[in-house]
Amino acid sequence: MKLLRYGPPGKEKPALLDAGGVLRDVSALIPDIGPAQLGDAALARLGRLKPETLPKVRGRPRIGCPVAGVGKFIAIGLNYADHAAEAGLPVPGEPVVFTKAISCIQGPDDPVMLPKGSKKSDWEVELGVVIGRTARHVARKDALTHVAGYCVVNDVSEREFQIERGGTWDKGKGCDTFGPIGPWLVTRDEVPNPQRLGLWLDLNGQRMQGGSTRTMVFGVAQLISYVSRFITLQPGDVLTTGTPPGVGMGRRDAAGQPAPRYLKKGDVMTLGIDGLGQQRQQVVAFRAPTAAR
């Protein structure tokens, strides 16, 4: 089952995608797709619906983040050995855990805004995991039963803020618009093995990233088990699991010399994961927030 939310920011309605690719509104049946709708029983009820009986969504509405009320947006760094190599960093002995601010979450096709003073904004296609039931000190063998589903995440990152400005990575990871999620939440029954998914990202039509979740240093089950030792994962939390090689920071020229390529106004990122859909974001310049009225 593919669940999504559509409509203007802050006014999204819940929907599902039927087998023919048609959006079907489910707002008459559930108030939203949030923590209360992500448990096994609630998803099973949705799974018993007959999509052809639900109203079609007309036109081409904006698609929002497929999960409402995300409580925590937790990320894993350097989780592909070849990405660690291009970053010039050792493969970690334990998962590198950091957080992305929930204020950076947005829809999969919303513009990505360069933060004020940005010099090194970068892209990262990642597999996102949406938690369906509380996970606290979970055994690895039981970890995947706590998953509601999977989605595409672009872990947009400002490398100067992240690496060169002291302190933790968080301030280079949580800038406004730096967390596109979606288009869909694909329930775990449709993803029997999350370690067999291809990932890719194109910049202006040129392939930059291509990889597979099979090359993760720490697999999804291991990550859930590990993080749950330190942080209780709750329904609606999103765990994004690291990126394969091909980020702008790690690019090299034909002679093998460093030749980083960072995002600029007008760039277009297109990215996706097998079976989970794809995203498209245009990069825009910084805009100062408008005063509240």
Protein backbone atom coordinates (compact mmCIF):
# COMPACT_ATOMS: atom_id res chain seq x y z
CA MET A 1 0.00 0.00 0.00
CA LYS A 2 1.22 3.46 -0.92
CA LEU A 3 0.01 6.22 1.37
CA LEU A 4 0.47 9.93 0.77
CA ARG A 5 -0.78 13.39 1.68
CA TYR A 6 -1.77 16.03 -0.83
CA GLY A 7 -2.73 19.70 -0.80
CA PRO A 8 -1.24 23.04 0.28
CA PRO A 9 1.35 23.07 3.09
CA GLY A 10 -0.36 22.68 6.43
CA LYS A 11 -3.66 21.65 4.82
CA GLU A 12 -2.75 18.25 3.39
CA LYS A 13 -5.35 15.50 3.13
CA PRO A 14 -4.65 11.75 3.37
CA ALA A 15 -4.79 9.60 0.25
CA LEU A 16 -3.59 6.33 -1.18
CA LEU A 17 -2.26 5.45 -4.60
CA ASP A 18 -4.22 2.71 -6.34
CA ALA A 19 -2.78 0.02 -8.61
CA GLY A 20 -3.38 2.21 -11.65
CA GLY A 21 -1.47 5.16 -10.24
CA VAL A 22 -4.61 7.15 -9.36
CA LEU A 23 -4.74 9.12 -6.12
CA ARG A 24 -7.72 8.17 -3.94
CA ASP A 25 -8.86 10.43 -1.12
CA VAL A 26 -9.33 8.74 2.27
CA SER A 27 -10.05 11.87 4.33
CA ALA A 28 -13.61 10.70 5.00
CA LEU A 29 -12.21 7.62 6.75
CA ILE A 30 -9.13 8.89 8.61
CA PRO A 31 -8.18 12.42 9.73
CA ASP A 32 -4.58 12.19 8.48
CA ILE A 33 -1.63 9.83 8.09
CA GLY A 34 0.07 10.35 11.41
CA PRO A 35 1.23 8.34 14.44
CA ALA A 36 -2.25 7.00 15.19
CA GLN A 37 -2.60 5.58 11.67
CA LEU A 38 0.77 3.83 11.48
CA GLY A 39 0.28 0.80 13.73
CA ASP A 40 -0.27 -2.65 12.25
CA ALA A 41 -3.99 -2.73 13.07
CA ALA A 42 -4.69 0.70 11.58
CA LEU A 43 -2.71 -0.11 8.43
CA ALA A 44 -4.50 -3.44 8.10
CA ARG A 45 -7.86 -1.61 8.14
CA LEU A 46 -6.67 0.69 5.37
CA GLY A 47 -5.36 -2.30 3.46
CA ARG A 48 -8.83 -3.84 3.39
CA LEU A 49 -10.29 -0.86 1.56
CA LYS A 50 -11.32 -1.22 -2.07
CA PRO A 51 -9.57 1.71 -3.75
CA GLU A 52 -12.02 1.81 -6.66
CA THR A 53 -14.77 2.80 -4.22
CA LEU A 54 -12.84 5.85 -2.97
CA PRO A 55 -13.11 9.30 -4.57
CA LYS A 56 -10.45 10.19 -7.12
CA VAL A 57 -8.22 13.19 -6.49
CA ARG A 58 -8.61 15.49 -9.47
CA GLY A 59 -5.82 17.36 -11.21
CA ARG A 60 -2.18 17.35 -10.15
CA PRO A 61 -2.09 18.58 -6.56
CA ARG A 62 1.01 19.29 -4.54
CA ILE A 63 2.26 16.21 -2.66
CA GLY A 64 3.34 16.76 0.92
CA CYS A 65 5.41 14.73 3.34
CA PRO A 66 3.56 11.40 3.59
CA VAL A 67 3.60 11.45 7.41
CA ALA A 68 2.02 14.10 9.60
CA GLY A 69 3.25 14.89 13.08
CA VAL A 70 6.79 13.57 12.75
CA GLY A 71 8.24 13.72 16.25
CA LYS A 72 11.88 12.96 15.51
CA PHE A 73 13.91 13.00 12.29
CA ILE A 74 16.98 10.90 13.02
CA ALA A 75 19.76 10.35 10.53
CA ILE A 76 22.74 8.05 10.08
CA GLY A 77 26.04 9.26 8.66
CA LEU A 78 28.73 7.45 6.67
CA ASN A 79 26.66 4.29 6.34
CA TYR A 80 28.05 3.27 2.95
CA ALA A 81 31.76 2.40 2.92
CA ASP A 82 32.34 4.00 -0.49
CA HIS A 83 30.69 7.23 0.65
CA ALA A 84 32.93 7.32 3.72
CA ALA A 85 35.91 6.88 1.38
CA GLU A 86 34.89 9.80 -0.86
CA ALA A 87 34.45 11.93 2.26
CA GLY A 88 37.98 10.96 3.37
CA LEU A 89 36.69 9.43 6.59
CA PRO A 90 37.08 5.95 8.08
CA VAL A 91 34.20 3.49 8.04
CA PRO A 92 32.61 3.88 11.49
CA GLY A 93 32.73 1.03 13.98
CA GLU A 94 29.27 1.99 15.24
CA PRO A 95 26.50 3.97 13.51
CA VAL A 96 27.00 7.73 13.39
CA VAL A 97 23.74 9.21 14.68
CA PHE A 98 22.61 12.82 14.31
CA THR A 99 19.30 14.65 13.98
CA LYS A 100 17.66 16.73 11.31
CA ALA A 101 15.30 19.42 12.56
CA ILE A 102 11.66 18.54 11.94
CA SER A 103 11.24 22.13 10.68
CA CYS A 104 13.24 21.15 7.58
CA ILE A 105 10.67 18.54 6.49
CA GLN A 106 8.79 19.28 3.29
CA GLY A 107 7.13 17.62 0.32
CA PRO A 108 9.11 15.64 -2.25
CA ASP A 109 8.79 18.19 -5.04
CA ASP A 110 8.90 21.44 -3.07
CA PRO A 111 11.81 23.78 -3.90
CA VAL A 112 15.03 23.46 -1.90
CA MET A 113 16.17 26.85 -0.63
CA LEU A 114 19.85 27.63 -0.21
CA PRO A 115 20.38 28.93 3.33
CA LYS A 116 21.73 32.43 3.86
CA GLY A 117 25.51 32.39 3.46
CA SER A 118 25.56 28.92 1.92
CA LYS A 119 28.70 27.97 0.00
CA LYS A 120 28.59 24.18 -0.01
CA SER A 121 25.02 22.85 -0.13
CA ASP A 122 24.94 19.22 -1.24
CA TRP A 123 22.59 16.35 -2.04
CA GLU A 124 22.13 12.86 -0.52
CA VAL A 125 19.53 10.32 -1.66
CA GLU A 126 18.60 8.04 1.24
CA LEU A 127 16.20 5.30 2.30
CA GLY A 128 13.84 6.60 4.97
CA VAL A 129 12.21 4.34 7.56
CA VAL A 130 8.95 5.36 9.22
CA ILE A 131 8.36 3.86 12.66
CA GLY A 132 4.94 2.28 13.28
CA ARG A 133 5.17 1.25 16.93
CA THR A 134 7.31 2.20 19.89
CA ALA A 135 10.83 0.79 19.76
CA ARG A 136 12.89 0.79 22.95
CA HIS A 137 15.86 -1.57 23.36
CA VAL A 138 14.61 -3.64 20.43
CA ALA A 139 16.42 -6.83 19.43
CA ARG A 140 17.74 -6.85 15.89
CA LYS A 141 15.62 -9.89 14.98
CA ASP A 142 12.45 -8.00 15.97
CA ALA A 143 13.40 -4.57 14.65
CA LEU A 144 11.57 -4.62 11.32
CA THR A 145 8.25 -5.40 13.01
CA HIS A 146 8.39 -1.85 14.37
CA VAL A 147 8.42 -0.36 10.86
CA ALA A 148 5.27 1.10 9.30
CA GLY A 149 6.91 1.62 5.93
CA TYR A 150 9.63 3.15 3.80
CA CYS A 151 10.10 6.31 1.76
CA VAL A 152 12.58 8.40 -0.22
CA VAL A 153 14.53 11.10 1.64
CA ASN A 154 16.88 13.76 0.29
CA ASP A 155 19.25 14.53 3.17
CA VAL A 156 20.24 17.95 1.84
CA SER A 157 23.36 19.14 3.65
CA GLU A 158 25.37 22.37 3.88
CA ARG A 159 28.93 21.04 4.18
CA GLU A 160 30.58 24.20 5.47
CA PHE A 161 27.98 24.50 8.22
CA GLN A 162 28.24 20.76 8.90
CA ILE A 163 32.01 20.28 8.95
CA GLU A 164 33.87 23.59 9.08
CA ARG A 165 31.92 25.58 11.65
CA GLY A 166 32.68 23.55 14.78
CA GLY A 167 30.39 21.47 16.93
CA THR A 168 28.01 18.81 15.68
CA TRP A 169 26.71 18.10 12.18
CA ASP A 170 23.16 19.19 12.99
CA LYS A 171 23.36 22.81 11.91
CA GLY A 172 24.37 21.79 8.39
CA LYS A 173 21.54 19.27 8.16
CA GLY A 174 18.44 21.01 9.47
CA CYS A 175 18.19 24.19 7.40
CA ASP A 176 14.73 25.06 6.12
CA THR A 177 13.67 22.82 3.16
CA PHE A 178 16.59 20.39 3.76
CA GLY A 179 14.33 17.40 4.42
CA PRO A 180 12.19 16.43 1.40
CA ILE A 181 10.32 13.19 2.22
CA GLY A 182 8.07 11.12 -0.04
CA PRO A 183 6.20 10.98 -2.34
CA TRP A 184 4.73 7.92 -0.63
CA LEU A 185 4.94 5.90 2.51
CA VAL A 186 5.17 2.35 1.15
CA THR A 187 4.03 -0.11 3.81
CA ARG A 188 6.53 -2.73 4.89
CA ASP A 189 4.56 -5.62 3.39
CA GLU A 190 5.49 -4.23 -0.04
CA VAL A 191 9.19 -4.05 0.89
CA PRO A 192 10.05 -7.56 2.07
CA ASN A 193 13.80 -6.83 2.09
CA PRO A 194 14.90 -3.22 2.56
CA GLN A 195 18.50 -4.30 1.83
CA ARG A 196 17.72 -4.93 -1.85
CA LEU A 197 16.76 -1.47 -3.08
CA GLY A 198 18.49 0.62 -5.73
CA LEU A 199 18.96 4.35 -5.12
CA TRP A 200 19.82 7.12 -7.60
CA LEU A 201 20.07 10.89 -7.90
CA ASP A 202 20.47 13.08 -10.98
CA LEU A 203 21.52 16.73 -11.02
CA ASN A 204 20.30 18.64 -14.08
CA GLY A 205 19.82 15.31 -15.85
CA GLN A 206 23.30 13.96 -15.06
CA ARG A 207 23.58 10.87 -12.88
CA MET A 208 25.47 11.72 -9.70
CA GLN A 209 24.53 8.92 -7.31
CA GLY A 210 23.74 5.30 -7.96
CA GLY A 211 23.89 2.52 -5.42
CA SER A 212 22.07 -0.16 -3.49
CA THR A 213 21.01 -0.53 0.11
CA ARG A 214 22.73 -3.92 0.07
CA THR A 215 26.05 -2.08 0.53
CA MET A 216 25.04 -0.37 3.77
CA VAL A 217 27.57 -0.80 6.57
CA PHE A 218 24.70 -1.21 9.04
CA GLY A 219 21.40 -2.55 7.75
CA VAL A 220 17.96 -1.20 8.59
CA ALA A 221 17.23 -3.77 11.32
CA GLN A 222 20.61 -3.16 12.95
CA LEU A 223 20.09 0.61 12.85
CA ILE A 224 16.66 0.44 14.50
CA SER A 225 18.01 -1.86 17.20
CA TYR A 226 21.05 0.35 17.78
CA VAL A 227 19.26 3.69 17.89
CA SER A 228 16.54 2.27 20.18
CA ARG A 229 19.19 1.66 22.86
CA PHE A 230 19.72 5.40 23.20
CA ILE A 231 16.57 7.05 21.86
CA THR A 232 13.05 5.66 22.11
CA LEU A 233 11.61 5.55 18.60
CA GLN A 234 7.91 6.34 18.46
CA PRO A 235 5.20 6.04 15.81
CA GLY A 236 5.71 8.67 13.14
CA ASP A 237 9.44 9.09 13.75
CA VAL A 238 11.58 9.01 10.60
CA LEU A 239 14.99 7.35 10.46
CA THR A 240 17.02 8.13 7.36
CA THR A 241 19.76 5.60 6.77
CA GLY A 242 22.73 7.13 4.93
CA THR A 243 23.70 7.79 1.34
CA PRO A 244 25.73 5.97 -1.33
CA PRO A 245 28.69 7.66 -3.05
CA GLY A 246 28.35 10.48 -5.55
CA VAL A 247 27.69 13.52 -3.39
CA GLY A 248 28.97 16.90 -4.54
CA MET A 249 31.59 17.11 -1.79
CA GLY A 250 33.32 13.96 -3.05
CA ARG A 251 33.51 14.66 -6.78
CA ARG A 252 36.86 14.43 -8.55
CA ASP A 253 38.12 15.46 -11.98
CA ALA A 254 39.52 13.21 -14.72
CA ALA A 255 42.95 13.29 -13.05
CA GLY A 256 41.50 12.14 -9.75
CA GLN A 257 41.89 15.52 -8.08
CA PRO A 258 39.16 16.94 -5.82
CA ALA A 259 36.59 18.88 -7.85
CA PRO A 260 33.58 19.41 -5.57
CA ARG A 261 30.29 20.52 -7.12
CA TYR A 262 27.75 22.21 -4.89
CA LEU A 263 24.17 23.27 -5.45
CA LYS A 264 23.36 26.63 -6.98
CA LYS A 265 20.20 28.52 -7.84
CA GLY A 266 18.38 26.91 -10.76
CA ASP A 267 19.76 23.39 -10.28
CA VAL A 268 17.25 20.55 -10.42
CA MET A 269 17.63 17.38 -8.35
CA THR A 270 15.72 14.25 -9.37
CA LEU A 271 16.06 11.19 -7.14
CA GLY A 272 14.36 7.92 -6.34
CA ILE A 273 14.45 4.44 -4.85
CA ASP A 274 13.14 1.21 -6.39
CA GLY A 275 9.44 0.86 -5.63
CA LEU A 276 9.29 3.97 -3.45
CA GLY A 277 8.77 6.64 -6.08
CA GLN A 278 10.83 9.67 -6.95
CA GLN A 279 11.31 13.31 -6.02
CA ARG A 280 12.13 16.46 -7.98
CA GLN A 281 13.36 19.69 -6.42
CA GLN A 282 14.46 22.95 -7.99
CA VAL A 283 17.07 24.89 -6.03
CA VAL A 284 16.13 28.47 -5.19
CA ALA A 285 17.96 31.35 -3.54
CA PHE A 286 17.52 32.26 0.11
CA ARG A 287 14.34 34.16 0.92
CA ALA A 288 13.99 36.00 4.20
CA PRO A 289 10.94 34.88 6.19
CA THR A 290 7.95 37.18 6.08
CA ALA A 291 6.80 38.79 9.30
CA ALA A 292 3.96 37.00 11.06
CA ARG A 293 0.61 38.83 11.16
